[in-house]
Amino acid sequence: MSRAFQGELNFQCDGSCVPHLGTDADVKKGGPFMIPVFDMFNHSSVEAKRNTKLRHDGDFLYCVAETDIKAGEEILQCYGAHSDAELLRTYGFVEADPQGNPCNQLLISRSAVLGVLQAKFGEKSPKAAARLAKRLQLSAERGLVLPAYSVGVHGAIPPKLLTLVQVASMGAQEYAEYAESDMIELGEEMHIIGTDHAEVVTGAILEILAKAEEHYPKELQCSTQRQRWAKHVREVEVGILRLARAYCVTMGCEESDSDGSEDE
């Protein structure tokens, strides 16, 4: 696969790992393209360190310096907004930049999310199962049920994931109002800290994160470079998972005054 393609890689998280490629470069041709010289330029996920970019003009593909490049300085471009996992899986390397990769993410599969929701809200009785199925159908129609949910490097819970859990766990009256409205994402604005519903939502998301953590092996062999890179990817994603867990815990905590006393 040409590194000059600069496309978006979207791996299906349930089943096949064959990527779907779509170019984000300003290229009108079909592609993919093989550009031997450009393929020799290395990648950087840090925008400030890149000094060239693939451009298109008619039937020509070309690149020029975006910044001054000193003799002997490495020429860096961008293969696309890829996490370390995608870089390793597709190009066979992981960046060693101390600034880290801002595109890193934790992917939580749909099966992990729906499995927890089914266990918490759909297994008490046939009526509960039917109620959850109806809510999941509406959520799917509103684009809330995704193949996977991406948690970024700061650990914030994705609004669509938060909304899906809120819809699955809200009371009958709240659900009726949501169903009749044209709202899609509820998110943090509807997450009232300290309420019973907020505690239920927080608990469910923590269980989803625990389910996602089961995906990662406890130990990895590190006898080859690729295995060491794989361990790095695991450590990065587990680190994001821990940040997401901490973020989630703060969502379920009562706010307090600056002197440490709780609000009356």
C-alpha atoms as a PDB file:
ATOM      1  CA  MET A   1       0.000   0.000   0.000  1.00  0.00           C
ATOM      2  CA  SER A   2       1.471   3.340  -1.025  1.00  0.00           C
ATOM      3  CA  ARG A   3       2.291   5.649   1.840  1.00  0.00           C
ATOM      4  CA  ALA A   4       1.494   8.527  -0.479  1.00  0.00           C
ATOM      5  CA  PHE A   5      -2.165   7.589  -0.494  1.00  0.00           C
ATOM      6  CA  GLN A   6      -2.894   9.622   2.665  1.00  0.00           C
ATOM      7  CA  GLY A   7      -6.272   8.000   3.104  1.00  0.00           C
ATOM      8  CA  GLU A   8      -8.497   7.298   6.040  1.00  0.00           C
ATOM      9  CA  LEU A   9      -8.317   3.712   7.269  1.00  0.00           C
ATOM     10  CA  ASN A  10     -11.545   2.455   8.744  1.00  0.00           C
ATOM     11  CA  PHE A  11     -11.249  -1.048  10.143  1.00  0.00           C
ATOM     12  CA  GLN A  12     -14.436  -2.899  10.901  1.00  0.00           C
ATOM     13  CA  CYS A  13     -14.340  -3.716  14.578  1.00  0.00           C
ATOM     14  CA  ASP A  14     -16.770  -6.632  14.465  1.00  0.00           C
ATOM     15  CA  GLY A  15     -15.434  -9.297  12.155  1.00  0.00           C
ATOM     16  CA  SER A  16     -13.198  -8.466   9.219  1.00  0.00           C
ATOM     17  CA  CYS A  17     -10.055  -6.402   9.708  1.00  0.00           C
ATOM     18  CA  VAL A  18      -9.845  -5.523   6.018  1.00  0.00           C
ATOM     19  CA  PRO A  19      -9.520  -1.712   5.819  1.00  0.00           C
ATOM     20  CA  HIS A  20     -11.715   0.503   3.703  1.00  0.00           C
ATOM     21  CA  LEU A  21      -9.651   3.258   2.131  1.00  0.00           C
ATOM     22  CA  GLY A  22     -10.867   6.714   1.239  1.00  0.00           C
ATOM     23  CA  THR A  23      -8.499   9.485   0.246  1.00  0.00           C
ATOM     24  CA  ASP A  24      -8.386  12.713   2.234  1.00  0.00           C
ATOM     25  CA  ALA A  25      -5.891  14.261  -0.183  1.00  0.00           C
ATOM     26  CA  ASP A  26      -7.170  16.608  -2.872  1.00  0.00           C
ATOM     27  CA  VAL A  27      -6.977  13.912  -5.548  1.00  0.00           C
ATOM     28  CA  LYS A  28      -9.782  13.449  -8.049  1.00  0.00           C
ATOM     29  CA  LYS A  29      -8.453  10.218  -9.594  1.00  0.00           C
ATOM     30  CA  GLY A  30      -9.510   6.777  -8.468  1.00  0.00           C
ATOM     31  CA  GLY A  31      -6.249   5.526  -6.958  1.00  0.00           C
ATOM     32  CA  PRO A  32      -4.637   4.096  -4.982  1.00  0.00           C
ATOM     33  CA  PHE A  33      -1.364   5.467  -6.322  1.00  0.00           C
ATOM     34  CA  MET A  34       2.233   4.321  -6.245  1.00  0.00           C
ATOM     35  CA  ILE A  35       4.585   7.290  -5.951  1.00  0.00           C
ATOM     36  CA  PRO A  36       8.058   5.804  -5.383  1.00  0.00           C
ATOM     37  CA  VAL A  37      10.005   8.912  -4.325  1.00  0.00           C
ATOM     38  CA  PHE A  38       7.248  10.290  -2.139  1.00  0.00           C
ATOM     39  CA  ASP A  39       6.851   6.888  -0.527  1.00  0.00           C
ATOM     40  CA  MET A  40      10.369   7.275   0.865  1.00  0.00           C
ATOM     41  CA  PHE A  41       9.328  10.208   3.064  1.00  0.00           C
ATOM     42  CA  ASN A  42       8.602   9.241   6.641  1.00  0.00           C
ATOM     43  CA  HIS A  43       5.472  10.002   8.639  1.00  0.00           C
ATOM     44  CA  SER A  44       4.860  12.262  11.617  1.00  0.00           C
ATOM     45  CA  SER A  45       1.625  12.518  13.575  1.00  0.00           C
ATOM     46  CA  VAL A  46       2.800  15.863  14.987  1.00  0.00           C
ATOM     47  CA  GLU A  47       1.661  18.567  12.584  1.00  0.00           C
ATOM     48  CA  ALA A  48       4.368  21.039  13.595  1.00  0.00           C
ATOM     49  CA  LYS A  49       7.094  18.583  12.549  1.00  0.00           C
ATOM     50  CA  ARG A  50       5.822  17.941   9.012  1.00  0.00           C
ATOM     51  CA  ASN A  51       7.535  19.853   6.237  1.00  0.00           C
ATOM     52  CA  THR A  52       5.901  18.623   3.032  1.00  0.00           C
ATOM     53  CA  LYS A  53       2.508  17.522   1.719  1.00  0.00           C
ATOM     54  CA  LEU A  54       1.157  15.711  -1.328  1.00  0.00           C
ATOM     55  CA  ARG A  55      -0.639  18.031  -3.757  1.00  0.00           C
ATOM     56  CA  HIS A  56      -2.592  17.551  -6.967  1.00  0.00           C
ATOM     57  CA  ASP A  57      -2.714  19.668 -10.097  1.00  0.00           C
ATOM     58  CA  GLY A  58      -4.523  18.267 -13.116  1.00  0.00           C
ATOM     59  CA  ASP A  59      -2.800  15.024 -14.080  1.00  0.00           C
ATOM     60  CA  PHE A  60       0.149  15.669 -11.780  1.00  0.00           C
ATOM     61  CA  LEU A  61       0.888  14.784  -8.172  1.00  0.00           C
ATOM     62  CA  TYR A  62       3.648  16.810  -6.558  1.00  0.00           C
ATOM     63  CA  CYS A  63       5.008  18.038  -3.241  1.00  0.00           C
ATOM     64  CA  VAL A  64       6.859  21.164  -2.176  1.00  0.00           C
ATOM     65  CA  ALA A  65       8.468  22.226   1.079  1.00  0.00           C
ATOM     66  CA  GLU A  66       5.936  23.616   3.538  1.00  0.00           C
ATOM     67  CA  THR A  67       8.738  25.028   5.708  1.00  0.00           C
ATOM     68  CA  ASP A  68      12.442  25.698   5.319  1.00  0.00           C
ATOM     69  CA  ILE A  69      14.344  22.387   5.263  1.00  0.00           C
ATOM     70  CA  LYS A  70      17.994  22.356   6.267  1.00  0.00           C
ATOM     71  CA  ALA A  71      20.567  20.118   4.614  1.00  0.00           C
ATOM     72  CA  GLY A  72      20.397  16.691   6.214  1.00  0.00           C
ATOM     73  CA  GLU A  73      17.030  17.355   7.888  1.00  0.00           C
ATOM     74  CA  GLU A  74      14.501  14.544   7.639  1.00  0.00           C
ATOM     75  CA  ILE A  75      11.596  15.129   5.281  1.00  0.00           C
ATOM     76  CA  LEU A  76       8.338  14.326   7.036  1.00  0.00           C
ATOM     77  CA  GLN A  77       4.837  14.057   5.676  1.00  0.00           C
ATOM     78  CA  CYS A  78       1.548  12.627   6.965  1.00  0.00           C
ATOM     79  CA  TYR A  79       0.217   9.214   5.945  1.00  0.00           C
ATOM     80  CA  GLY A  80      -3.149  10.157   7.421  1.00  0.00           C
ATOM     81  CA  ALA A  81      -4.692  10.697  10.858  1.00  0.00           C
ATOM     82  CA  HIS A  82      -3.838   7.190  12.081  1.00  0.00           C
ATOM     83  CA  SER A  83      -3.423   5.853  15.592  1.00  0.00           C
ATOM     84  CA  ASP A  84      -0.344   3.826  16.542  1.00  0.00           C
ATOM     85  CA  ALA A  85      -2.445   0.667  16.176  1.00  0.00           C
ATOM     86  CA  GLU A  86      -3.401   1.583  12.595  1.00  0.00           C
ATOM     87  CA  LEU A  87       0.177   2.548  11.717  1.00  0.00           C
ATOM     88  CA  LEU A  88       1.483  -0.771  13.021  1.00  0.00           C
ATOM     89  CA  ARG A  89      -1.245  -2.816  11.360  1.00  0.00           C
ATOM     90  CA  THR A  90      -0.990  -1.074   7.987  1.00  0.00           C
ATOM     91  CA  TYR A  91       2.576   0.203   7.657  1.00  0.00           C
ATOM     92  CA  GLY A  92       4.435  -1.989  10.146  1.00  0.00           C
ATOM     93  CA  PHE A  93       5.824   0.668  12.495  1.00  0.00           C
ATOM     94  CA  VAL A  94       4.992   2.803  15.494  1.00  0.00           C
ATOM     95  CA  GLU A  95       6.281   6.330  16.056  1.00  0.00           C
ATOM     96  CA  ALA A  96       8.775   6.854  18.849  1.00  0.00           C
ATOM     97  CA  ASP A  97       8.026  10.562  19.175  1.00  0.00           C
ATOM     98  CA  PRO A  98       8.093  11.614  22.864  1.00  0.00           C
ATOM     99  CA  GLN A  99       5.198  13.996  22.172  1.00  0.00           C
ATOM    100  CA  GLY A 100       3.001  10.986  21.532  1.00  0.00           C
ATOM    101  CA  ASN A 101       0.474  10.454  18.780  1.00  0.00           C
ATOM    102  CA  PRO A 102      -2.565  12.770  19.102  1.00  0.00           C
ATOM    103  CA  CYS A 103      -4.540  10.347  16.918  1.00  0.00           C
ATOM    104  CA  ASN A 104      -4.290   7.472  19.386  1.00  0.00           C
ATOM    105  CA  GLN A 105      -7.625   6.106  20.503  1.00  0.00           C
ATOM    106  CA  LEU A 106      -9.328   3.356  22.415  1.00  0.00           C
ATOM    107  CA  LEU A 107     -11.940   1.539  20.340  1.00  0.00           C
ATOM    108  CA  ILE A 108     -14.860   0.018  22.233  1.00  0.00           C
ATOM    109  CA  SER A 109     -16.709  -2.506  20.102  1.00  0.00           C
ATOM    110  CA  ARG A 110     -20.453  -2.496  19.616  1.00  0.00           C
ATOM    111  CA  SER A 111     -20.631  -6.064  20.930  1.00  0.00           C
ATOM    112  CA  ALA A 112     -19.030  -5.006  24.235  1.00  0.00           C
ATOM    113  CA  VAL A 113     -21.487  -2.119  24.637  1.00  0.00           C
ATOM    114  CA  LEU A 114     -24.610  -4.054  23.713  1.00  0.00           C
ATOM    115  CA  GLY A 115     -23.546  -7.015  25.832  1.00  0.00           C
ATOM    116  CA  VAL A 116     -23.377  -4.855  28.955  1.00  0.00           C
ATOM    117  CA  LEU A 117     -26.655  -3.058  28.167  1.00  0.00           C
ATOM    118  CA  GLN A 118     -28.406  -6.381  27.633  1.00  0.00           C
ATOM    119  CA  ALA A 119     -27.073  -7.787  30.907  1.00  0.00           C
ATOM    120  CA  LYS A 120     -28.018  -4.692  32.941  1.00  0.00           C
ATOM    121  CA  PHE A 121     -31.319  -3.642  31.395  1.00  0.00           C
ATOM    122  CA  GLY A 122     -32.679  -6.497  29.297  1.00  0.00           C
ATOM    123  CA  GLU A 123     -32.409  -9.721  31.282  1.00  0.00           C
ATOM    124  CA  LYS A 124     -34.729  -9.134  34.260  1.00  0.00           C
ATOM    125  CA  SER A 125     -37.892 -10.137  32.394  1.00  0.00           C
ATOM    126  CA  PRO A 126     -39.355 -10.511  28.893  1.00  0.00           C
ATOM    127  CA  LYS A 127     -40.883  -7.053  29.357  1.00  0.00           C
ATOM    128  CA  ALA A 128     -37.458  -5.567  30.122  1.00  0.00           C
ATOM    129  CA  ALA A 129     -35.993  -7.289  27.053  1.00  0.00           C
ATOM    130  CA  ALA A 130     -38.742  -5.876  24.827  1.00  0.00           C
ATOM    131  CA  ARG A 131     -38.317  -2.406  26.321  1.00  0.00           C
ATOM    132  CA  LEU A 132     -34.554  -2.453  25.705  1.00  0.00           C
ATOM    133  CA  ALA A 133     -34.997  -3.773  22.154  1.00  0.00           C
ATOM    134  CA  LYS A 134     -37.366  -0.900  21.353  1.00  0.00           C
ATOM    135  CA  ARG A 135     -34.911   1.659  22.742  1.00  0.00           C
ATOM    136  CA  LEU A 136     -31.981   0.166  20.874  1.00  0.00           C
ATOM    137  CA  GLN A 137     -33.980   0.251  17.640  1.00  0.00           C
ATOM    138  CA  LEU A 138     -34.706   3.951  18.087  1.00  0.00           C
ATOM    139  CA  SER A 139     -31.059   4.555  19.006  1.00  0.00           C
ATOM    140  CA  ALA A 140     -29.940   2.776  15.838  1.00  0.00           C
ATOM    141  CA  GLU A 141     -32.322   4.887  13.752  1.00  0.00           C
ATOM    142  CA  ARG A 142     -30.776   8.005  15.268  1.00  0.00           C
ATOM    143  CA  GLY A 143     -27.240   6.868  14.520  1.00  0.00           C
ATOM    144  CA  LEU A 144     -26.231   6.052  18.086  1.00  0.00           C
ATOM    145  CA  VAL A 145     -25.426   2.359  17.561  1.00  0.00           C
ATOM    146  CA  LEU A 146     -22.010   2.313  15.888  1.00  0.00           C
ATOM    147  CA  PRO A 147     -19.594  -0.482  14.923  1.00  0.00           C
ATOM    148  CA  ALA A 148     -17.239   0.963  17.543  1.00  0.00           C
ATOM    149  CA  TYR A 149     -16.897   3.986  19.791  1.00  0.00           C
ATOM    150  CA  SER A 150     -13.649   5.944  19.750  1.00  0.00           C
ATOM    151  CA  VAL A 151     -12.275   7.319  23.027  1.00  0.00           C
ATOM    152  CA  GLY A 152      -9.571   9.913  22.365  1.00  0.00           C
ATOM    153  CA  VAL A 153      -6.268  10.441  24.134  1.00  0.00           C
ATOM    154  CA  HIS A 154      -7.868  12.503  26.924  1.00  0.00           C
ATOM    155  CA  GLY A 155     -10.315   9.771  27.897  1.00  0.00           C
ATOM    156  CA  ALA A 156     -13.580  11.679  27.371  1.00  0.00           C
ATOM    157  CA  ILE A 157     -16.583   9.405  26.889  1.00  0.00           C
ATOM    158  CA  PRO A 158     -17.963   9.790  23.332  1.00  0.00           C
ATOM    159  CA  PRO A 159     -21.312  11.651  23.359  1.00  0.00           C
ATOM    160  CA  LYS A 160     -23.033   8.950  21.274  1.00  0.00           C
ATOM    161  CA  LEU A 161     -21.948   6.229  23.681  1.00  0.00           C
ATOM    162  CA  LEU A 162     -23.067   8.285  26.662  1.00  0.00           C
ATOM    163  CA  THR A 163     -26.423   8.998  24.995  1.00  0.00           C
ATOM    164  CA  LEU A 164     -26.956   5.333  24.110  1.00  0.00           C
ATOM    165  CA  VAL A 165     -26.482   4.336  27.760  1.00  0.00           C
ATOM    166  CA  GLN A 166     -28.708   7.186  28.913  1.00  0.00           C
ATOM    167  CA  VAL A 167     -31.515   6.131  26.566  1.00  0.00           C
ATOM    168  CA  ALA A 168     -31.224   2.479  27.578  1.00  0.00           C
ATOM    169  CA  SER A 169     -31.481   3.313  31.286  1.00  0.00           C
ATOM    170  CA  MET A 170     -33.809   6.321  31.521  1.00  0.00           C
ATOM    171  CA  GLY A 171     -37.303   6.196  33.011  1.00  0.00           C
ATOM    172  CA  ALA A 172     -40.438   5.668  30.957  1.00  0.00           C
ATOM    173  CA  GLN A 173     -41.474   9.337  30.977  1.00  0.00           C
ATOM    174  CA  GLU A 174     -38.014  10.576  30.038  1.00  0.00           C
ATOM    175  CA  TYR A 175     -37.822   8.036  27.210  1.00  0.00           C
ATOM    176  CA  ALA A 176     -41.242   9.054  25.874  1.00  0.00           C
ATOM    177  CA  GLU A 177     -40.129  12.698  25.778  1.00  0.00           C
ATOM    178  CA  TYR A 178     -36.874  11.761  24.061  1.00  0.00           C
ATOM    179  CA  ALA A 179     -38.646   9.582  21.492  1.00  0.00           C
ATOM    180  CA  GLU A 180     -41.095  12.376  20.626  1.00  0.00           C
ATOM    181  CA  SER A 181     -38.333  14.971  20.315  1.00  0.00           C
ATOM    182  CA  ASP A 182     -35.899  15.481  17.442  1.00  0.00           C
ATOM    183  CA  MET A 183     -32.904  15.275  19.755  1.00  0.00           C
ATOM    184  CA  ILE A 184     -30.136  12.825  18.914  1.00  0.00           C
ATOM    185  CA  GLU A 185     -27.297  13.303  21.379  1.00  0.00           C
ATOM    186  CA  LEU A 186     -28.051  14.038  25.020  1.00  0.00           C
ATOM    187  CA  GLY A 187     -24.525  13.795  26.408  1.00  0.00           C
ATOM    188  CA  GLU A 188     -23.218  15.553  29.473  1.00  0.00           C
ATOM    189  CA  GLU A 189     -25.819  18.334  29.396  1.00  0.00           C
ATOM    190  CA  MET A 190     -28.439  15.752  30.367  1.00  0.00           C
ATOM    191  CA  HIS A 191     -26.158  13.939  32.810  1.00  0.00           C
ATOM    192  CA  ILE A 192     -27.065  15.455  36.177  1.00  0.00           C
ATOM    193  CA  ILE A 193     -24.393  14.547  38.700  1.00  0.00           C
ATOM    194  CA  GLY A 194     -25.682  13.049  41.900  1.00  0.00           C
ATOM    195  CA  THR A 195     -28.985  11.741  40.536  1.00  0.00           C
ATOM    196  CA  ASP A 196     -29.925   8.073  40.594  1.00  0.00           C
ATOM    197  CA  HIS A 197     -29.936   7.991  36.800  1.00  0.00           C
ATOM    198  CA  ALA A 198     -26.432   9.450  36.620  1.00  0.00           C
ATOM    199  CA  GLU A 199     -25.186   6.745  38.981  1.00  0.00           C
ATOM    200  CA  VAL A 200     -26.782   4.024  36.837  1.00  0.00           C
ATOM    201  CA  VAL A 201     -25.268   5.500  33.656  1.00  0.00           C
ATOM    202  CA  THR A 202     -21.847   5.819  35.274  1.00  0.00           C
ATOM    203  CA  GLY A 203     -21.988   2.236  36.519  1.00  0.00           C
ATOM    204  CA  ALA A 204     -22.947   0.923  33.083  1.00  0.00           C
ATOM    205  CA  ILE A 205     -20.132   2.794  31.337  1.00  0.00           C
ATOM    206  CA  LEU A 206     -17.621   1.516  33.894  1.00  0.00           C
ATOM    207  CA  GLU A 207     -18.792  -2.013  33.126  1.00  0.00           C
ATOM    208  CA  ILE A 208     -18.399  -1.325  29.397  1.00  0.00           C
ATOM    209  CA  LEU A 209     -14.835  -0.146  29.999  1.00  0.00           C
ATOM    210  CA  ALA A 210     -14.123  -3.271  32.058  1.00  0.00           C
ATOM    211  CA  LYS A 211     -15.464  -5.378  29.183  1.00  0.00           C
ATOM    212  CA  ALA A 212     -13.215  -3.524  26.745  1.00  0.00           C
ATOM    213  CA  GLU A 213     -10.200  -4.156  28.965  1.00  0.00           C
ATOM    214  CA  GLU A 214     -10.760  -7.914  28.669  1.00  0.00           C
ATOM    215  CA  HIS A 215      -9.693  -7.567  25.035  1.00  0.00           C
ATOM    216  CA  TYR A 216      -6.100  -6.856  26.042  1.00  0.00           C
ATOM    217  CA  PRO A 217      -3.709  -9.682  26.955  1.00  0.00           C
ATOM    218  CA  LYS A 218      -2.028  -9.377  30.338  1.00  0.00           C
ATOM    219  CA  GLU A 219       1.381 -10.318  28.971  1.00  0.00           C
ATOM    220  CA  LEU A 220       2.995  -9.990  25.545  1.00  0.00           C
ATOM    221  CA  GLN A 221       6.177 -11.522  24.215  1.00  0.00           C
ATOM    222  CA  CYS A 222       8.723  -8.878  23.271  1.00  0.00           C
ATOM    223  CA  SER A 223      11.407 -10.839  21.422  1.00  0.00           C
ATOM    224  CA  THR A 224      10.931  -8.946  18.140  1.00  0.00           C
ATOM    225  CA  GLN A 225      10.600  -5.280  17.266  1.00  0.00           C
ATOM    226  CA  ARG A 226       7.042  -5.745  16.071  1.00  0.00           C
ATOM    227  CA  GLN A 227       6.119  -7.412  19.371  1.00  0.00           C
ATOM    228  CA  ARG A 228       7.652  -4.487  21.273  1.00  0.00           C
ATOM    229  CA  TRP A 229       5.608  -2.089  19.163  1.00  0.00           C
ATOM    230  CA  ALA A 230       2.494  -4.160  19.857  1.00  0.00           C
ATOM    231  CA  LYS A 231       3.212  -3.881  23.587  1.00  0.00           C
ATOM    232  CA  HIS A 232       3.560  -0.109  23.171  1.00  0.00           C
ATOM    233  CA  VAL A 233       0.161   0.036  21.445  1.00  0.00           C
ATOM    234  CA  ARG A 234      -1.405  -1.975  24.254  1.00  0.00           C
ATOM    235  CA  GLU A 235       0.110   0.300  26.912  1.00  0.00           C
ATOM    236  CA  VAL A 236      -1.138   3.411  25.108  1.00  0.00           C
ATOM    237  CA  GLU A 237      -4.680   2.082  24.739  1.00  0.00           C
ATOM    238  CA  VAL A 238      -4.851   0.755  28.301  1.00  0.00           C
ATOM    239  CA  GLY A 239      -3.654   4.184  29.437  1.00  0.00           C
ATOM    240  CA  ILE A 240      -6.551   5.795  27.561  1.00  0.00           C
ATOM    241  CA  LEU A 241      -8.896   3.267  29.141  1.00  0.00           C
ATOM    242  CA  ARG A 242      -7.717   4.285  32.614  1.00  0.00           C
ATOM    243  CA  LEU A 243      -8.235   7.951  31.762  1.00  0.00           C
ATOM    244  CA  ALA A 244     -11.741   7.102  30.537  1.00  0.00           C
ATOM    245  CA  ARG A 245     -12.438   5.292  33.791  1.00  0.00           C
ATOM    246  CA  ALA A 246     -11.282   8.316  35.809  1.00  0.00           C
ATOM    247  CA  TYR A 247     -13.358  10.607  33.576  1.00  0.00           C
ATOM    248  CA  CYS A 248     -16.372   8.384  34.140  1.00  0.00           C
ATOM    249  CA  VAL A 249     -15.910   8.364  37.912  1.00  0.00           C
ATOM    250  CA  THR A 250     -15.910  12.189  37.988  1.00  0.00           C
ATOM    251  CA  MET A 251     -19.180  12.092  36.042  1.00  0.00           C
ATOM    252  CA  GLY A 252     -20.793  10.221  38.914  1.00  0.00           C
ATOM    253  CA  CYS A 253     -19.409  12.315  41.788  1.00  0.00           C
ATOM    254  CA  GLU A 254     -21.165  15.107  43.635  1.00  0.00           C
ATOM    255  CA  GLU A 255     -19.648  18.528  43.078  1.00  0.00           C
ATOM    256  CA  SER A 256     -18.440  20.343  46.184  1.00  0.00           C
ATOM    257  CA  ASP A 257     -17.651  23.904  47.262  1.00  0.00           C
ATOM    258  CA  SER A 258     -14.072  25.151  47.177  1.00  0.00           C
ATOM    259  CA  ASP A 259     -13.792  24.687  50.936  1.00  0.00           C
ATOM    260  CA  GLY A 260     -14.532  20.983  50.545  1.00  0.00           C
ATOM    261  CA  SER A 261     -18.094  21.042  51.902  1.00  0.00           C
ATOM    262  CA  GLU A 262     -20.917  19.636  49.801  1.00  0.00           C
ATOM    263  CA  ASP A 263     -23.596  21.875  48.344  1.00  0.00           C
ATOM    264  CA  GLU A 264     -26.675  22.120  50.524  1.00  0.00           C
END
